[in-house]
């Protein structure tokens, strides 16, 4: 069955899939453990994508803030992903 929240285009798709892959390992973990593992997996993918694409490399604090922004949303994973993509994008007049 297709995930209706999964982004169809890169950069968002890779970040979202990193979250989903780590999220599939929640069973048997404490909430604190899976939240930390998911943040780390998403953060690593954001760094990888930033290096490949010449984008802003986020800090862990920025990735965690984006996750908190999405928390509680029905489309939590997608909202988190799109917030990360926005933060990684170069601002007008600024080269990355």
C-alpha atoms as a PDB file:
ATOM      1  CA  UNK A   1       0.000   0.000   0.000  1.00  0.00           C
ATOM      2  CA  UNK A   2       1.307   3.449  -0.944  1.00  0.00           C
ATOM      3  CA  UNK A   3       2.147   5.929   1.815  1.00  0.00           C
ATOM      4  CA  UNK A   4       0.059   8.988   0.948  1.00  0.00           C
ATOM      5  CA  UNK A   5       2.428  11.260   2.869  1.00  0.00           C
ATOM      6  CA  UNK A   6       5.620  10.119   1.126  1.00  0.00           C
ATOM      7  CA  UNK A   7       7.097  12.941  -0.959  1.00  0.00           C
ATOM      8  CA  UNK A   8       7.432  12.151  -4.639  1.00  0.00           C
ATOM      9  CA  UNK A   9      10.496  14.246  -5.358  1.00  0.00           C
ATOM     10  CA  UNK A  10      14.016  14.461  -4.066  1.00  0.00           C
ATOM     11  CA  UNK A  11      15.345  15.989  -1.672  1.00  0.00           C
ATOM     12  CA  UNK A  12      12.297  15.435   0.494  1.00  0.00           C
ATOM     13  CA  UNK A  13      11.882  11.787  -0.504  1.00  0.00           C
ATOM     14  CA  UNK A  14      15.323  10.697   0.753  1.00  0.00           C
ATOM     15  CA  UNK A  15      14.881  12.455   4.084  1.00  0.00           C
ATOM     16  CA  UNK A  16      11.383  11.049   4.554  1.00  0.00           C
ATOM     17  CA  UNK A  17      12.558   7.518   3.739  1.00  0.00           C
ATOM     18  CA  UNK A  18      15.374   7.827   6.302  1.00  0.00           C
ATOM     19  CA  UNK A  19      12.731   8.712   8.890  1.00  0.00           C
ATOM     20  CA  UNK A  20      10.438   5.854   7.834  1.00  0.00           C
ATOM     21  CA  UNK A  21      13.264   3.304   7.825  1.00  0.00           C
ATOM     22  CA  UNK A  22      14.312   4.225  11.352  1.00  0.00           C
ATOM     23  CA  UNK A  23      10.680   4.517  12.450  1.00  0.00           C
ATOM     24  CA  UNK A  24      10.095   0.887  11.507  1.00  0.00           C
ATOM     25  CA  UNK A  25      12.447  -0.046  14.382  1.00  0.00           C
ATOM     26  CA  UNK A  26      10.334   1.516  17.155  1.00  0.00           C
ATOM     27  CA  UNK A  27       9.042  -1.758  18.574  1.00  0.00           C
ATOM     28  CA  UNK A  28      10.879  -2.674  21.768  1.00  0.00           C
ATOM     29  CA  UNK A  29      12.439   0.770  22.198  1.00  0.00           C
ATOM     30  CA  UNK A  30      11.523   3.389  24.740  1.00  0.00           C
ATOM     31  CA  UNK A  31       9.983   6.573  23.383  1.00  0.00           C
ATOM     32  CA  UNK A  32      13.146   8.499  24.216  1.00  0.00           C
ATOM     33  CA  UNK A  33      15.272   5.932  22.376  1.00  0.00           C
ATOM     34  CA  UNK A  34      13.231   5.916  19.186  1.00  0.00           C
ATOM     35  CA  UNK A  35      12.874   9.699  19.096  1.00  0.00           C
ATOM     36  CA  UNK A  36      16.647  10.058  19.402  1.00  0.00           C
ATOM     37  CA  UNK A  37      17.327   7.354  16.797  1.00  0.00           C
ATOM     38  CA  UNK A  38      14.907   8.933  14.310  1.00  0.00           C
ATOM     39  CA  UNK A  39      16.384  12.402  14.815  1.00  0.00           C
ATOM     40  CA  UNK A  40      19.881  11.046  14.287  1.00  0.00           C
ATOM     41  CA  UNK A  41      18.901   9.111  11.142  1.00  0.00           C
ATOM     42  CA  UNK A  42      17.174  12.138   9.648  1.00  0.00           C
ATOM     43  CA  UNK A  43      20.050  14.427  10.641  1.00  0.00           C
ATOM     44  CA  UNK A  44      22.595  12.114   8.963  1.00  0.00           C
ATOM     45  CA  UNK A  45      20.520  12.025   5.780  1.00  0.00           C
ATOM     46  CA  UNK A  46      20.191  15.808   5.796  1.00  0.00           C
ATOM     47  CA  UNK A  47      23.974  16.143   6.090  1.00  0.00           C
ATOM     48  CA  UNK A  48      24.520  13.643   3.287  1.00  0.00           C
ATOM     49  CA  UNK A  49      22.075  15.439   1.023  1.00  0.00           C
ATOM     50  CA  UNK A  50      23.511  18.865   1.881  1.00  0.00           C
ATOM     51  CA  UNK A  51      27.006  17.702   0.939  1.00  0.00           C
ATOM     52  CA  UNK A  52      25.800  16.146  -2.330  1.00  0.00           C
ATOM     53  CA  UNK A  53      23.695  19.132  -3.343  1.00  0.00           C
ATOM     54  CA  UNK A  54      25.661  22.060  -1.939  1.00  0.00           C
ATOM     55  CA  UNK A  55      22.915  23.045   0.489  1.00  0.00           C
ATOM     56  CA  UNK A  56      22.964  24.429   4.015  1.00  0.00           C
ATOM     57  CA  UNK A  57      24.124  21.696   6.419  1.00  0.00           C
ATOM     58  CA  UNK A  58      21.741  21.734   9.359  1.00  0.00           C
ATOM     59  CA  UNK A  59      22.764  21.424  12.967  1.00  0.00           C
ATOM     60  CA  UNK A  60      21.199  18.765  15.175  1.00  0.00           C
ATOM     61  CA  UNK A  61      19.400  21.573  17.021  1.00  0.00           C
ATOM     62  CA  UNK A  62      17.826  22.758  13.757  1.00  0.00           C
ATOM     63  CA  UNK A  63      16.733  19.212  12.893  1.00  0.00           C
ATOM     64  CA  UNK A  64      15.249  18.735  16.368  1.00  0.00           C
ATOM     65  CA  UNK A  65      13.432  22.083  16.172  1.00  0.00           C
ATOM     66  CA  UNK A  66      11.925  21.071  12.828  1.00  0.00           C
ATOM     67  CA  UNK A  67      10.762  17.804  14.397  1.00  0.00           C
ATOM     68  CA  UNK A  68       9.129  19.662  17.289  1.00  0.00           C
ATOM     69  CA  UNK A  69       7.407  21.951  14.761  1.00  0.00           C
ATOM     70  CA  UNK A  70       5.816  18.892  13.099  1.00  0.00           C
ATOM     71  CA  UNK A  71       4.987  17.059  16.321  1.00  0.00           C
ATOM     72  CA  UNK A  72       1.296  16.238  16.688  1.00  0.00           C
ATOM     73  CA  UNK A  73       0.455  16.696  13.009  1.00  0.00           C
ATOM     74  CA  UNK A  74      -1.369  13.964  11.126  1.00  0.00           C
ATOM     75  CA  UNK A  75       1.311  14.243   8.463  1.00  0.00           C
ATOM     76  CA  UNK A  76       4.109  14.465  11.052  1.00  0.00           C
ATOM     77  CA  UNK A  77       6.824  12.800   8.940  1.00  0.00           C
ATOM     78  CA  UNK A  78       6.039  14.806   5.822  1.00  0.00           C
ATOM     79  CA  UNK A  79       5.729  18.074   7.742  1.00  0.00           C
ATOM     80  CA  UNK A  80       9.077  17.435   9.438  1.00  0.00           C
ATOM     81  CA  UNK A  81      10.675  16.604   6.102  1.00  0.00           C
ATOM     82  CA  UNK A  82       9.379  19.687   4.300  1.00  0.00           C
ATOM     83  CA  UNK A  83      10.473  21.928   7.175  1.00  0.00           C
ATOM     84  CA  UNK A  84      13.977  20.447   6.926  1.00  0.00           C
ATOM     85  CA  UNK A  85      14.037  21.002   3.167  1.00  0.00           C
ATOM     86  CA  UNK A  86      13.033  24.648   3.682  1.00  0.00           C
ATOM     87  CA  UNK A  87      15.823  25.126   6.219  1.00  0.00           C
ATOM     88  CA  UNK A  88      18.390  23.537   3.913  1.00  0.00           C
ATOM     89  CA  UNK A  89      17.540  25.670   0.893  1.00  0.00           C
ATOM     90  CA  UNK A  90      19.810  28.589   0.130  1.00  0.00           C
ATOM     91  CA  UNK A  91      18.331  31.995   0.850  1.00  0.00           C
ATOM     92  CA  UNK A  92      18.103  34.512  -1.930  1.00  0.00           C
ATOM     93  CA  UNK A  93      21.471  36.101  -2.590  1.00  0.00           C
ATOM     94  CA  UNK A  94      23.324  33.520  -0.490  1.00  0.00           C
ATOM     95  CA  UNK A  95      25.319  30.725  -2.067  1.00  0.00           C
ATOM     96  CA  UNK A  96      25.807  27.316  -0.444  1.00  0.00           C
END
